[in-house]
Amino acid sequence: MVWKQIQLDPAKRGSKETKVYREGVYKCGMCGGTGLSRVGSKCQSCKGKGVHEIEGTVIKCAFCKGTGRPSRGVELTCYVCKGSGWVKIEEPIEVCPHCRGRGAESGNKLPCIMCKGKGYVTLKK
């Protein structure tokens, strides 16, 4: 058996793969694109539009997993993405070595101190 060394794309390093999105209009993570909160009022993240206009390069928020909420069943807005489900990044990126892409500190429910909850860090040039 011969082992080959391969070069991974920076966005694919670590334990999981991520999809990088370019600027455009994307569904709101908090309301799922409906424009309404779970209790029937206007979504506080997208202001009832159901979408967010994104400028620049983004990935889904690792801290809330793109839901816009820090945990299930909670009506609070995610501290990292402000409820949109998206966080801005500067390429090239790699999986955060501290939280391993989870976006959260192990042992508590706070965002990772190194990547600030994004799950990825920008590679130094």
PDB file of N, CA and C in Angstrom:
ATOM      1  N   MET A   1       0.847  -1.173   0.000  1.00  0.00           N
ATOM      2  CA  MET A   1       0.000   0.000   0.000  1.00  0.00           C
ATOM      3  C   MET A   1       0.891   1.234   0.000  1.00  0.00           C
ATOM      4  N   VAL A   2       0.578   2.189  -0.857  1.00  0.00           N
ATOM      5  CA  VAL A   2       1.347   3.423  -0.965  1.00  0.00           C
ATOM      6  C   VAL A   2       0.471   4.570  -0.474  1.00  0.00           C
ATOM      7  N   TRP A   3       1.008   5.345   0.457  1.00  0.00           N
ATOM      8  CA  TRP A   3       0.284   6.495   0.986  1.00  0.00           C
ATOM      9  C   TRP A   3       0.628   7.719   0.168  1.00  0.00           C
ATOM     10  N   LYS A   4      -0.383   8.481  -0.212  1.00  0.00           N
ATOM     11  CA  LYS A   4      -0.177   9.719  -0.952  1.00  0.00           C
ATOM     12  C   LYS A   4      -0.531  10.888  -0.053  1.00  0.00           C
ATOM     13  N   GLN A   5       0.265  11.924  -0.143  1.00  0.00           N
ATOM     14  CA  GLN A   5      -0.049  13.139   0.595  1.00  0.00           C
ATOM     15  C   GLN A   5      -0.923  14.001  -0.291  1.00  0.00           C
ATOM     16  N   ILE A   6      -2.038  14.472   0.234  1.00  0.00           N
ATOM     17  CA  ILE A   6      -2.938  15.324  -0.547  1.00  0.00           C
ATOM     18  C   ILE A   6      -3.056  16.679   0.118  1.00  0.00           C
ATOM     19  N   GLN A   7      -3.330  17.681  -0.678  1.00  0.00           N
ATOM     20  CA  GLN A   7      -3.520  19.039  -0.182  1.00  0.00           C
ATOM     21  C   GLN A   7      -5.015  19.310  -0.103  1.00  0.00           C
ATOM     22  N   LEU A   8      -5.503  19.562   1.091  1.00  0.00           N
ATOM     23  CA  LEU A   8      -6.929  19.848   1.272  1.00  0.00           C
ATOM     24  C   LEU A   8      -7.207  21.323   1.061  1.00  0.00           C
ATOM     25  N   ASP A   9      -8.367  21.595   0.524  1.00  0.00           N
ATOM     26  CA  ASP A   9      -8.864  22.960   0.433  1.00  0.00           C
ATOM     27  C   ASP A   9      -9.010  23.484   1.853  1.00  0.00           C
ATOM     28  N   PRO A  10      -8.568  24.725   2.168  1.00  0.00           N
ATOM     29  CA  PRO A  10      -8.660  25.228   3.544  1.00  0.00           C
ATOM     30  C   PRO A  10     -10.049  25.126   4.158  1.00  0.00           C
ATOM     31  N   ALA A  11     -11.108  25.247   3.364  1.00  0.00           N
ATOM     32  CA  ALA A  11     -12.466  25.166   3.909  1.00  0.00           C
ATOM     33  C   ALA A  11     -12.843  23.740   4.286  1.00  0.00           C
ATOM     34  N   LYS A  12     -12.044  22.735   3.885  1.00  0.00           N
ATOM     35  CA  LYS A  12     -12.370  21.346   4.151  1.00  0.00           C
ATOM     36  C   LYS A  12     -11.459  20.730   5.197  1.00  0.00           C
ATOM     37  N   ARG A  13     -10.566  21.482   5.783  1.00  0.00           N
ATOM     38  CA  ARG A  13      -9.662  20.938   6.792  1.00  0.00           C
ATOM     39  C   ARG A  13     -10.412  20.641   8.075  1.00  0.00           C
ATOM     40  N   GLY A  14      -9.924  19.707   8.827  1.00  0.00           N
ATOM     41  CA  GLY A  14     -10.537  19.392  10.117  1.00  0.00           C
ATOM     42  C   GLY A  14     -11.566  18.291   9.989  1.00  0.00           C
ATOM     43  N   SER A  15     -12.468  18.250  10.950  1.00  0.00           N
ATOM     44  CA  SER A  15     -13.386  17.129  11.048  1.00  0.00           C
ATOM     45  C   SER A  15     -14.653  17.290  10.221  1.00  0.00           C
ATOM     46  N   LYS A  16     -14.913  18.464   9.683  1.00  0.00           N
ATOM     47  CA  LYS A  16     -16.132  18.623   8.899  1.00  0.00           C
ATOM     48  C   LYS A  16     -15.895  19.532   7.712  1.00  0.00           C
ATOM     49  N   GLU A  17     -16.814  19.498   6.777  1.00  0.00           N
ATOM     50  CA  GLU A  17     -16.709  20.281   5.571  1.00  0.00           C
ATOM     51  C   GLU A  17     -17.707  21.428   5.659  1.00  0.00           C
ATOM     52  N   THR A  18     -17.357  22.559   5.075  1.00  0.00           N
ATOM     53  CA  THR A  18     -18.279  23.687   5.108  1.00  0.00           C
ATOM     54  C   THR A  18     -18.509  24.208   3.709  1.00  0.00           C
ATOM     55  N   LYS A  19     -19.640  24.823   3.514  1.00  0.00           N
ATOM     56  CA  LYS A  19     -19.958  25.431   2.234  1.00  0.00           C
ATOM     57  C   LYS A  19     -19.828  26.934   2.396  1.00  0.00           C
ATOM     58  N   VAL A  20     -19.067  27.541   1.507  1.00  0.00           N
ATOM     59  CA  VAL A  20     -18.851  28.986   1.529  1.00  0.00           C
ATOM     60  C   VAL A  20     -19.838  29.619   0.556  1.00  0.00           C
ATOM     61  N   TYR A  21     -20.541  30.644   1.006  1.00  0.00           N
ATOM     62  CA  TYR A  21     -21.543  31.321   0.187  1.00  0.00           C
ATOM     63  C   TYR A  21     -21.053  32.720  -0.190  1.00  0.00           C
ATOM     64  N   ARG A  22     -21.331  33.137  -1.391  1.00  0.00           N
ATOM     65  CA  ARG A  22     -20.983  34.481  -1.857  1.00  0.00           C
ATOM     66  C   ARG A  22     -22.185  35.392  -1.665  1.00  0.00           C
ATOM     67  N   GLU A  23     -21.982  36.680  -1.882  1.00  0.00           N
ATOM     68  CA  GLU A  23     -23.069  37.629  -1.617  1.00  0.00           C
ATOM     69  C   GLU A  23     -24.323  37.281  -2.413  1.00  0.00           C
ATOM     70  N   GLY A  24     -25.456  37.557  -1.776  1.00  0.00           N
ATOM     71  CA  GLY A  24     -26.742  37.243  -2.372  1.00  0.00           C
ATOM     72  C   GLY A  24     -27.846  37.364  -1.334  1.00  0.00           C
ATOM     73  N   VAL A  25     -29.002  36.811  -1.637  1.00  0.00           N
ATOM     74  CA  VAL A  25     -30.142  36.840  -0.735  1.00  0.00           C
ATOM     75  C   VAL A  25     -30.361  35.414  -0.227  1.00  0.00           C
ATOM     76  N   TYR A  26     -30.348  35.251   1.108  1.00  0.00           N
ATOM     77  CA  TYR A  26     -30.467  33.931   1.714  1.00  0.00           C
ATOM     78  C   TYR A  26     -31.567  33.915   2.761  1.00  0.00           C
ATOM     79  N   LYS A  27     -32.175  32.740   2.914  1.00  0.00           N
ATOM     80  CA  LYS A  27     -33.271  32.539   3.861  1.00  0.00           C
ATOM     81  C   LYS A  27     -32.828  32.842   5.289  1.00  0.00           C
ATOM     82  N   CYS A  28     -33.692  33.478   6.053  1.00  0.00           N
ATOM     83  CA  CYS A  28     -33.422  33.797   7.456  1.00  0.00           C
ATOM     84  C   CYS A  28     -33.388  32.517   8.277  1.00  0.00           C
ATOM     85  N   GLY A  29     -32.362  32.378   9.107  1.00  0.00           N
ATOM     86  CA  GLY A  29     -32.236  31.197   9.952  1.00  0.00           C
ATOM     87  C   GLY A  29     -33.232  31.186  11.091  1.00  0.00           C
ATOM     88  N   MET A  30     -33.565  32.340  11.603  1.00  0.00           N
ATOM     89  CA  MET A  30     -34.443  32.435  12.776  1.00  0.00           C
ATOM     90  C   MET A  30     -35.883  32.012  12.467  1.00  0.00           C
ATOM     91  N   CYS A  31     -36.424  32.492  11.350  1.00  0.00           N
ATOM     92  CA  CYS A  31     -37.830  32.185  11.031  1.00  0.00           C
ATOM     93  C   CYS A  31     -37.970  31.144   9.930  1.00  0.00           C
ATOM     94  N   GLY A  32     -36.854  30.710   9.355  1.00  0.00           N
ATOM     95  CA  GLY A  32     -36.914  29.717   8.283  1.00  0.00           C
ATOM     96  C   GLY A  32     -37.470  30.264   6.982  1.00  0.00           C
ATOM     97  N   GLY A  33     -37.476  31.590   6.839  1.00  0.00           N
ATOM     98  CA  GLY A  33     -37.945  32.215   5.617  1.00  0.00           C
ATOM     99  C   GLY A  33     -39.402  32.650   5.628  1.00  0.00           C
ATOM    100  N   THR A  34     -40.105  32.448   6.743  1.00  0.00           N
ATOM    101  CA  THR A  34     -41.523  32.817   6.805  1.00  0.00           C
ATOM    102  C   THR A  34     -41.738  34.288   7.145  1.00  0.00           C
ATOM    103  N   GLY A  35     -40.779  34.900   7.831  1.00  0.00           N
ATOM    104  CA  GLY A  35     -40.933  36.279   8.272  1.00  0.00           C
ATOM    105  C   GLY A  35     -41.640  36.404   9.612  1.00  0.00           C
ATOM    106  N   LEU A  36     -42.050  35.250  10.179  1.00  0.00           N
ATOM    107  CA  LEU A  36     -42.772  35.251  11.451  1.00  0.00           C
ATOM    108  C   LEU A  36     -42.003  34.461  12.506  1.00  0.00           C
ATOM    109  N   SER A  37     -42.101  34.900  13.752  1.00  0.00           N
ATOM    110  CA  SER A  37     -41.493  34.147  14.849  1.00  0.00           C
ATOM    111  C   SER A  37     -42.412  32.980  15.213  1.00  0.00           C
ATOM    112  N   ARG A  38     -41.977  32.144  16.134  1.00  0.00           N
ATOM    113  CA  ARG A  38     -42.788  30.988  16.541  1.00  0.00           C
ATOM    114  C   ARG A  38     -44.101  31.392  17.197  1.00  0.00           C
ATOM    115  N   VAL A  39     -44.134  32.567  17.799  1.00  0.00           N
ATOM    116  CA  VAL A  39     -45.364  33.010  18.466  1.00  0.00           C
ATOM    117  C   VAL A  39     -46.269  33.818  17.537  1.00  0.00           C
ATOM    118  N   GLY A  40     -45.877  33.960  16.256  1.00  0.00           N
ATOM    119  CA  GLY A  40     -46.735  34.623  15.284  1.00  0.00           C
ATOM    120  C   GLY A  40     -46.454  36.092  15.040  1.00  0.00           C
ATOM    121  N   SER A  41     -45.543  36.701  15.777  1.00  0.00           N
ATOM    122  CA  SER A  41     -45.203  38.099  15.534  1.00  0.00           C
ATOM    123  C   SER A  41     -44.109  38.184  14.464  1.00  0.00           C
ATOM    124  N   LYS A  42     -43.783  39.405  14.058  1.00  0.00           N
ATOM    125  CA  LYS A  42     -42.765  39.627  13.043  1.00  0.00           C
ATOM    126  C   LYS A  42     -41.401  39.146  13.541  1.00  0.00           C
ATOM    127  N   CYS A  43     -40.649  38.452  12.688  1.00  0.00           N
ATOM    128  CA  CYS A  43     -39.321  37.946  13.046  1.00  0.00           C
ATOM    129  C   CYS A  43     -38.407  39.115  13.403  1.00  0.00           C
ATOM    130  N   GLN A  44     -37.742  39.018  14.561  1.00  0.00           N
ATOM    131  CA  GLN A  44     -36.889  40.112  15.011  1.00  0.00           C
ATOM    132  C   GLN A  44     -35.559  40.167  14.269  1.00  0.00           C
ATOM    133  N   SER A  45     -35.170  39.099  13.606  1.00  0.00           N
ATOM    134  CA  SER A  45     -33.898  39.077  12.894  1.00  0.00           C
ATOM    135  C   SER A  45     -34.007  39.682  11.492  1.00  0.00           C
ATOM    136  N   CYS A  46     -34.976  39.233  10.707  1.00  0.00           N
ATOM    137  CA  CYS A  46     -35.114  39.722   9.328  1.00  0.00           C
ATOM    138  C   CYS A  46     -36.156  40.829   9.194  1.00  0.00           C
ATOM    139  N   LYS A  47     -36.776  41.223  10.303  1.00  0.00           N
ATOM    140  CA  LYS A  47     -37.820  42.265  10.322  1.00  0.00           C
ATOM    141  C   LYS A  47     -39.016  41.913   9.444  1.00  0.00           C
ATOM    142  N   GLY A  48     -39.335  40.607   9.373  1.00  0.00           N
ATOM    143  CA  GLY A  48     -40.507  40.154   8.640  1.00  0.00           C
ATOM    144  C   GLY A  48     -40.287  39.881   7.165  1.00  0.00           C
ATOM    145  N   LYS A  49     -39.086  40.089   6.646  1.00  0.00           N
ATOM    146  CA  LYS A  49     -38.808  39.873   5.219  1.00  0.00           C
ATOM    147  C   LYS A  49     -38.643  38.394   4.865  1.00  0.00           C
ATOM    148  N   GLY A  50     -38.139  37.592   5.825  1.00  0.00           N
ATOM    149  CA  GLY A  50     -37.906  36.177   5.561  1.00  0.00           C
ATOM    150  C   GLY A  50     -36.546  35.880   4.957  1.00  0.00           C
ATOM    151  N   VAL A  51     -35.831  36.926   4.575  1.00  0.00           N
ATOM    152  CA  VAL A  51     -34.506  36.754   3.966  1.00  0.00           C
ATOM    153  C   VAL A  51     -33.535  37.798   4.514  1.00  0.00           C
ATOM    154  N   HIS A  52     -32.243  37.517   4.296  1.00  0.00           N
ATOM    155  CA  HIS A  52     -31.187  38.469   4.624  1.00  0.00           C
ATOM    156  C   HIS A  52     -30.374  38.708   3.361  1.00  0.00           C
ATOM    157  N   GLU A  53     -30.102  39.977   3.055  1.00  0.00           N
ATOM    158  CA  GLU A  53     -29.223  40.297   1.945  1.00  0.00           C
ATOM    159  C   GLU A  53     -27.800  40.272   2.477  1.00  0.00           C
ATOM    160  N   ILE A  54     -26.994  39.381   1.929  1.00  0.00           N
ATOM    161  CA  ILE A  54     -25.643  39.166   2.408  1.00  0.00           C
ATOM    162  C   ILE A  54     -24.645  39.814   1.455  1.00  0.00           C
ATOM    163  N   GLU A  55     -23.728  40.578   2.009  1.00  0.00           N
ATOM    164  CA  GLU A  55     -22.640  41.164   1.228  1.00  0.00           C
ATOM    165  C   GLU A  55     -21.345  40.501   1.653  1.00  0.00           C
ATOM    166  N   GLY A  56     -20.503  40.162   0.708  1.00  0.00           N
ATOM    167  CA  GLY A  56     -19.235  39.521   1.019  1.00  0.00           C
ATOM    168  C   GLY A  56     -19.375  38.008   1.045  1.00  0.00           C
ATOM    169  N   THR A  57     -18.459  37.355   1.749  1.00  0.00           N
ATOM    170  CA  THR A  57     -18.417  35.904   1.832  1.00  0.00           C
ATOM    171  C   THR A  57     -18.897  35.454   3.209  1.00  0.00           C
ATOM    172  N   VAL A  58     -19.791  34.469   3.246  1.00  0.00           N
ATOM    173  CA  VAL A  58     -20.366  34.001   4.512  1.00  0.00           C
ATOM    174  C   VAL A  58     -20.385  32.479   4.574  1.00  0.00           C
ATOM    175  N   ILE A  59     -20.552  31.977   5.805  1.00  0.00           N
ATOM    176  CA  ILE A  59     -20.798  30.563   6.059  1.00  0.00           C
ATOM    177  C   ILE A  59     -21.943  30.477   7.059  1.00  0.00           C
ATOM    178  N   LYS A  60     -22.541  29.300   7.181  1.00  0.00           N
ATOM    179  CA  LYS A  60     -23.570  29.128   8.206  1.00  0.00           C
ATOM    180  C   LYS A  60     -22.928  29.239   9.574  1.00  0.00           C
ATOM    181  N   CYS A  61     -23.641  29.823  10.506  1.00  0.00           N
ATOM    182  CA  CYS A  61     -23.140  30.020  11.860  1.00  0.00           C
ATOM    183  C   CYS A  61     -22.949  28.660  12.545  1.00  0.00           C
ATOM    184  N   ALA A  62     -21.735  28.411  13.025  1.00  0.00           N
ATOM    185  CA  ALA A  62     -21.443  27.137  13.693  1.00  0.00           C
ATOM    186  C   ALA A  62     -22.049  27.089  15.094  1.00  0.00           C
ATOM    187  N   PHE A  63     -22.147  28.232  15.744  1.00  0.00           N
ATOM    188  CA  PHE A  63     -22.646  28.265  17.114  1.00  0.00           C
ATOM    189  C   PHE A  63     -24.113  27.839  17.191  1.00  0.00           C
ATOM    190  N   CYS A  64     -24.951  28.355  16.300  1.00  0.00           N
ATOM    191  CA  CYS A  64     -26.381  28.001  16.313  1.00  0.00           C
ATOM    192  C   CYS A  64     -26.747  27.008  15.210  1.00  0.00           C
ATOM    193  N   LYS A  65     -25.752  26.607  14.415  1.00  0.00           N
ATOM    194  CA  LYS A  65     -25.955  25.681  13.290  1.00  0.00           C
ATOM    195  C   LYS A  65     -26.908  26.253  12.251  1.00  0.00           C
ATOM    196  N   GLY A  66     -26.907  27.577  12.116  1.00  0.00           N
ATOM    197  CA  GLY A  66     -27.725  28.239  11.108  1.00  0.00           C
ATOM    198  C   GLY A  66     -29.171  28.456  11.482  1.00  0.00           C
ATOM    199  N   THR A  67     -29.538  28.148  12.728  1.00  0.00           N
ATOM    200  CA  THR A  67     -30.945  28.284  13.142  1.00  0.00           C
ATOM    201  C   THR A  67     -31.297  29.685  13.638  1.00  0.00           C
ATOM    202  N   GLY A  68     -30.291  30.490  13.985  1.00  0.00           N
ATOM    203  CA  GLY A  68     -30.555  31.826  14.515  1.00  0.00           C
ATOM    204  C   GLY A  68     -30.827  31.850  16.010  1.00  0.00           C
ATOM    205  N   ARG A  69     -30.873  30.664  16.638  1.00  0.00           N
ATOM    206  CA  ARG A  69     -31.113  30.544  18.085  1.00  0.00           C
ATOM    207  C   ARG A  69     -29.961  29.793  18.734  1.00  0.00           C
ATOM    208  N   PRO A  70     -29.537  30.203  19.930  1.00  0.00           N
ATOM    209  CA  PRO A  70     -28.417  29.527  20.567  1.00  0.00           C
ATOM    210  C   PRO A  70     -28.695  28.083  20.990  1.00  0.00           C
ATOM    211  N   SER A  71     -29.954  27.736  21.233  1.00  0.00           N
ATOM    212  CA  SER A  71     -30.314  26.355  21.566  1.00  0.00           C
ATOM    213  C   SER A  71     -31.773  26.119  21.215  1.00  0.00           C
ATOM    214  N   ARG A  72     -32.135  24.849  21.105  1.00  0.00           N
ATOM    215  CA  ARG A  72     -33.512  24.481  20.732  1.00  0.00           C
ATOM    216  C   ARG A  72     -34.525  24.942  21.769  1.00  0.00           C
ATOM    217  N   GLY A  73     -35.683  25.364  21.277  1.00  0.00           N
ATOM    218  CA  GLY A  73     -36.776  25.735  22.159  1.00  0.00           C
ATOM    219  C   GLY A  73     -36.615  27.078  22.841  1.00  0.00           C
ATOM    220  N   VAL A  74     -35.579  27.825  22.491  1.00  0.00           N
ATOM    221  CA  VAL A  74     -35.318  29.122  23.115  1.00  0.00           C
ATOM    222  C   VAL A  74     -35.611  30.215  22.100  1.00  0.00           C
ATOM    223  N   GLU A  75     -36.330  31.237  22.496  1.00  0.00           N
ATOM    224  CA  GLU A  75     -36.664  32.335  21.593  1.00  0.00           C
ATOM    225  C   GLU A  75     -35.620  33.454  21.587  1.00  0.00           C
ATOM    226  N   LEU A  76     -34.479  33.217  22.186  1.00  0.00           N
ATOM    227  CA  LEU A  76     -33.414  34.216  22.166  1.00  0.00           C
ATOM    228  C   LEU A  76     -32.708  34.211  20.812  1.00  0.00           C
ATOM    229  N   THR A  77     -32.115  35.337  20.453  1.00  0.00           N
ATOM    230  CA  THR A  77     -31.372  35.455  19.213  1.00  0.00           C
ATOM    231  C   THR A  77     -29.935  34.992  19.433  1.00  0.00           C
ATOM    232  N   CYS A  78     -29.370  34.289  18.455  1.00  0.00           N
ATOM    233  CA  CYS A  78     -27.980  33.818  18.539  1.00  0.00           C
ATOM    234  C   CYS A  78     -27.049  35.005  18.719  1.00  0.00           C
ATOM    235  N   TYR A  79     -26.104  34.874  19.653  1.00  0.00           N
ATOM    236  CA  TYR A  79     -25.172  35.957  19.976  1.00  0.00           C
ATOM    237  C   TYR A  79     -24.170  36.182  18.853  1.00  0.00           C
ATOM    238  N   VAL A  80     -23.874  35.136  18.096  1.00  0.00           N
ATOM    239  CA  VAL A  80     -22.822  35.201  17.074  1.00  0.00           C
ATOM    240  C   VAL A  80     -23.331  35.809  15.767  1.00  0.00           C
ATOM    241  N   CYS A  81     -24.432  35.286  15.236  1.00  0.00           N
ATOM    242  CA  CYS A  81     -24.932  35.740  13.931  1.00  0.00           C
ATOM    243  C   CYS A  81     -26.083  36.741  14.031  1.00  0.00           C
ATOM    244  N   LYS A  82     -26.485  37.081  15.234  1.00  0.00           N
ATOM    245  CA  LYS A  82     -27.606  38.012  15.475  1.00  0.00           C
ATOM    246  C   LYS A  82     -28.912  37.510  14.875  1.00  0.00           C
ATOM    247  N   GLY A  83     -29.058  36.172  14.806  1.00  0.00           N
ATOM    248  CA  GLY A  83     -30.304  35.574  14.347  1.00  0.00           C
ATOM    249  C   GLY A  83     -30.392  35.287  12.868  1.00  0.00           C
ATOM    250  N   SER A  84     -29.446  35.748  12.076  1.00  0.00           N
ATOM    251  CA  SER A  84     -29.533  35.543  10.626  1.00  0.00           C
ATOM    252  C   SER A  84     -29.191  34.117  10.213  1.00  0.00           C
ATOM    253  N   GLY A  85     -28.345  33.440  11.007  1.00  0.00           N
ATOM    254  CA  GLY A  85     -27.885  32.106  10.642  1.00  0.00           C
ATOM    255  C   GLY A  85     -26.612  32.136   9.814  1.00  0.00           C
ATOM    256  N   TRP A  86     -26.119  33.335   9.476  1.00  0.00           N
ATOM    257  CA  TRP A  86     -24.941  33.515   8.621  1.00  0.00           C
ATOM    258  C   TRP A  86     -23.891  34.367   9.325  1.00  0.00           C
ATOM    259  N   VAL A  87     -22.611  34.041   9.115  1.00  0.00           N
ATOM    260  CA  VAL A  87     -21.512  34.858   9.642  1.00  0.00           C
ATOM    261  C   VAL A  87     -20.522  35.170   8.524  1.00  0.00           C
ATOM    262  N   LYS A  88     -20.012  36.383   8.536  1.00  0.00           N
ATOM    263  CA  LYS A  88     -19.047  36.804   7.517  1.00  0.00           C
ATOM    264  C   LYS A  88     -17.675  36.216   7.819  1.00  0.00           C
ATOM    265  N   ILE A  89     -16.957  35.889   6.762  1.00  0.00           N
ATOM    266  CA  ILE A  89     -15.596  35.355   6.893  1.00  0.00           C
ATOM    267  C   ILE A  89     -14.685  36.040   5.879  1.00  0.00           C
ATOM    268  N   GLU A  90     -13.407  35.916   6.120  1.00  0.00           N
ATOM    269  CA  GLU A  90     -12.404  36.349   5.148  1.00  0.00           C
ATOM    270  C   GLU A  90     -11.613  35.119   4.763  1.00  0.00           C
ATOM    271  N   GLU A  91     -11.585  34.809   3.485  1.00  0.00           N
ATOM    272  CA  GLU A  91     -10.867  33.626   3.014  1.00  0.00           C
ATOM    273  C   GLU A  91      -9.378  33.913   2.934  1.00  0.00           C
ATOM    274  N   PRO A  92      -8.532  32.921   2.999  1.00  0.00           N
ATOM    275  CA  PRO A  92      -8.780  31.495   3.187  1.00  0.00           C
ATOM    276  C   PRO A  92      -9.069  31.173   4.652  1.00  0.00           C
ATOM    277  N   ILE A  93      -9.838  30.107   4.874  1.00  0.00           N
ATOM    278  CA  ILE A  93     -10.231  29.732   6.234  1.00  0.00           C
ATOM    279  C   ILE A  93      -9.806  28.303   6.543  1.00  0.00           C
ATOM    280  N   GLU A  94      -9.791  27.986   7.832  1.00  0.00           N
ATOM    281  CA  GLU A  94      -9.595  26.616   8.287  1.00  0.00           C
ATOM    282  C   GLU A  94     -10.433  26.415   9.539  1.00  0.00           C
ATOM    283  N   VAL A  95     -10.707  25.163   9.863  1.00  0.00           N
ATOM    284  CA  VAL A  95     -11.481  24.829  11.054  1.00  0.00           C
ATOM    285  C   VAL A  95     -10.748  25.359  12.281  1.00  0.00           C
ATOM    286  N   CYS A  96     -11.484  25.947  13.197  1.00  0.00           N
ATOM    287  CA  CYS A  96     -10.893  26.500  14.421  1.00  0.00           C
ATOM    288  C   CYS A  96     -10.223  25.371  15.218  1.00  0.00           C
ATOM    289  N   PRO A  97      -8.937  25.535  15.541  1.00  0.00           N
ATOM    290  CA  PRO A  97      -8.255  24.478  16.294  1.00  0.00           C
ATOM    291  C   PRO A  97      -8.714  24.377  17.754  1.00  0.00           C
ATOM    292  N   HIS A  98      -9.308  25.429  18.281  1.00  0.00           N
ATOM    293  CA  HIS A  98      -9.740  25.440  19.680  1.00  0.00           C
ATOM    294  C   HIS A  98     -11.050  24.677  19.885  1.00  0.00           C
ATOM    295  N   CYS A  99     -12.058  24.986  19.068  1.00  0.00           N
ATOM    296  CA  CYS A  99     -13.377  24.346  19.239  1.00  0.00           C
ATOM    297  C   CYS A  99     -13.637  23.243  18.210  1.00  0.00           C
ATOM    298  N   ARG A 100     -12.716  23.064  17.271  1.00  0.00           N
ATOM    299  CA  ARG A 100     -12.824  22.055  16.207  1.00  0.00           C
ATOM    300  C   ARG A 100     -14.076  22.231  15.355  1.00  0.00           C
ATOM    301  N   GLY A 101     -14.432  23.496  15.100  1.00  0.00           N
ATOM    302  CA  GLY A 101     -15.544  23.793  14.213  1.00  0.00           C
ATOM    303  C   GLY A 101     -16.915  23.821  14.846  1.00  0.00           C
ATOM    304  N   ARG A 102     -17.011  23.559  16.154  1.00  0.00           N
ATOM    305  CA  ARG A 102     -18.322  23.563  16.827  1.00  0.00           C
ATOM    306  C   ARG A 102     -18.830  24.974  17.099  1.00  0.00           C
ATOM    307  N   GLY A 103     -17.922  25.939  17.238  1.00  0.00           N
ATOM    308  CA  GLY A 103     -18.332  27.311  17.524  1.00  0.00           C
ATOM    309  C   GLY A 103     -18.589  27.577  18.991  1.00  0.00           C
ATOM    310  N   ALA A 104     -18.522  26.542  19.822  1.00  0.00           N
ATOM    311  CA  ALA A 104     -18.800  26.695  21.252  1.00  0.00           C
ATOM    312  C   ALA A 104     -17.636  26.156  22.076  1.00  0.00           C
ATOM    313  N   GLU A 105     -17.456  26.750  23.237  1.00  0.00           N
ATOM    314  CA  GLU A 105     -16.437  26.259  24.179  1.00  0.00           C
ATOM    315  C   GLU A 105     -16.900  24.908  24.707  1.00  0.00           C
ATOM    316  N   SER A 106     -15.969  23.982  24.875  1.00  0.00           N
ATOM    317  CA  SER A 106     -16.374  22.686  25.435  1.00  0.00           C
ATOM    318  C   SER A 106     -16.645  22.853  26.929  1.00  0.00           C
ATOM    319  N   GLY A 107     -17.694  22.233  27.400  1.00  0.00           N
ATOM    320  CA  GLY A 107     -18.040  22.285  28.816  1.00  0.00           C
ATOM    321  C   GLY A 107     -18.958  23.424  29.219  1.00  0.00           C
ATOM    322  N   ASN A 108     -19.232  24.366  28.318  1.00  0.00           N
ATOM    323  CA  ASN A 108     -20.196  25.419  28.631  1.00  0.00           C
ATOM    324  C   ASN A 108     -20.923  25.848  27.357  1.00  0.00           C
ATOM    325  N   LYS A 109     -21.826  26.781  27.464  1.00  0.00           N
ATOM    326  CA  LYS A 109     -22.638  27.174  26.319  1.00  0.00           C
ATOM    327  C   LYS A 109     -22.237  28.527  25.740  1.00  0.00           C
ATOM    328  N   LEU A 110     -20.991  28.908  25.927  1.00  0.00           N
ATOM    329  CA  LEU A 110     -20.500  30.192  25.417  1.00  0.00           C
ATOM    330  C   LEU A 110     -19.833  30.013  24.058  1.00  0.00           C
ATOM    331  N   PRO A 111     -19.839  31.077  23.212  1.00  0.00           N
ATOM    332  CA  PRO A 111     -19.135  30.994  21.931  1.00  0.00           C
ATOM    333  C   PRO A 111     -17.627  30.804  22.153  1.00  0.00           C
ATOM    334  N   CYS A 112     -16.989  30.130  21.215  1.00  0.00           N
ATOM    335  CA  CYS A 112     -15.542  29.893  21.270  1.00  0.00           C
ATOM    336  C   CYS A 112     -14.798  31.223  21.311  1.00  0.00           C
ATOM    337  N   ILE A 113     -13.815  31.318  22.174  1.00  0.00           N
ATOM    338  CA  ILE A 113     -13.062  32.557  22.338  1.00  0.00           C
ATOM    339  C   ILE A 113     -12.116  32.822  21.163  1.00  0.00           C
ATOM    340  N   MET A 114     -11.686  31.763  20.480  1.00  0.00           N
ATOM    341  CA  MET A 114     -10.726  31.922  19.391  1.00  0.00           C
ATOM    342  C   MET A 114     -11.394  32.342  18.069  1.00  0.00           C
ATOM    343  N   CYS A 115     -12.482  31.670  17.711  1.00  0.00           N
ATOM    344  CA  CYS A 115     -13.153  31.976  16.431  1.00  0.00           C
ATOM    345  C   CYS A 115     -14.400  32.846  16.626  1.00  0.00           C
ATOM    346  N   LYS A 116     -14.717  33.187  17.862  1.00  0.00           N
ATOM    347  CA  LYS A 116     -15.899  33.992  18.208  1.00  0.00           C
ATOM    348  C   LYS A 116     -17.205  33.329  17.764  1.00  0.00           C
ATOM    349  N   GLY A 117     -17.227  31.991  17.805  1.00  0.00           N
ATOM    350  CA  GLY A 117     -18.436  31.251  17.506  1.00  0.00           C
ATOM    351  C   GLY A 117     -18.635  30.878  16.044  1.00  0.00           C
ATOM    352  N   LYS A 118     -17.750  31.319  15.154  1.00  0.00           N
ATOM    353  CA  LYS A 118     -17.911  31.036  13.727  1.00  0.00           C
ATOM    354  C   LYS A 118     -17.559  29.600  13.379  1.00  0.00           C
ATOM    355  N   GLY A 119     -16.656  28.988  14.143  1.00  0.00           N
ATOM    356  CA  GLY A 119     -16.214  27.631  13.856  1.00  0.00           C
ATOM    357  C   GLY A 119     -15.017  27.571  12.936  1.00  0.00           C
ATOM    358  N   TYR A 120     -14.668  28.696  12.334  1.00  0.00           N
ATOM    359  CA  TYR A 120     -13.552  28.784  11.406  1.00  0.00           C
ATOM    360  C   TYR A 120     -12.740  30.030  11.695  1.00  0.00           C
ATOM    361  N   VAL A 121     -11.452  29.961  11.405  1.00  0.00           N
ATOM    362  CA  VAL A 121     -10.574  31.111  11.549  1.00  0.00           C
ATOM    363  C   VAL A 121      -9.907  31.397  10.202  1.00  0.00           C
ATOM    364  N   THR A 122      -9.532  32.652  10.004  1.00  0.00           N
ATOM    365  CA  THR A 122      -8.856  33.035   8.762  1.00  0.00           C
ATOM    366  C   THR A 122      -7.387  32.621   8.860  1.00  0.00           C
ATOM    367  N   LEU A 123      -6.897  32.002   7.811  1.00  0.00           N
ATOM    368  CA  LEU A 123      -5.487  31.616   7.748  1.00  0.00           C
ATOM    369  C   LEU A 123      -4.634  32.871   7.606  1.00  0.00           C
ATOM    370  N   LYS A 124      -3.524  32.902   8.288  1.00  0.00           N
ATOM    371  CA  LYS A 124      -2.619  34.036   8.160  1.00  0.00           C
ATOM    372  C   LYS A 124      -1.871  33.950   6.850  1.00  0.00           C
ATOM    373  N   LYS A 125      -1.755  35.083   6.197  1.00  0.00           N
ATOM    374  CA  LYS A 125      -1.090  35.116   4.877  1.00  0.00           C
ATOM    375  C   LYS A 125       0.400  35.276   5.019  1.00  0.00           C
TER     376      LYS A 125
END
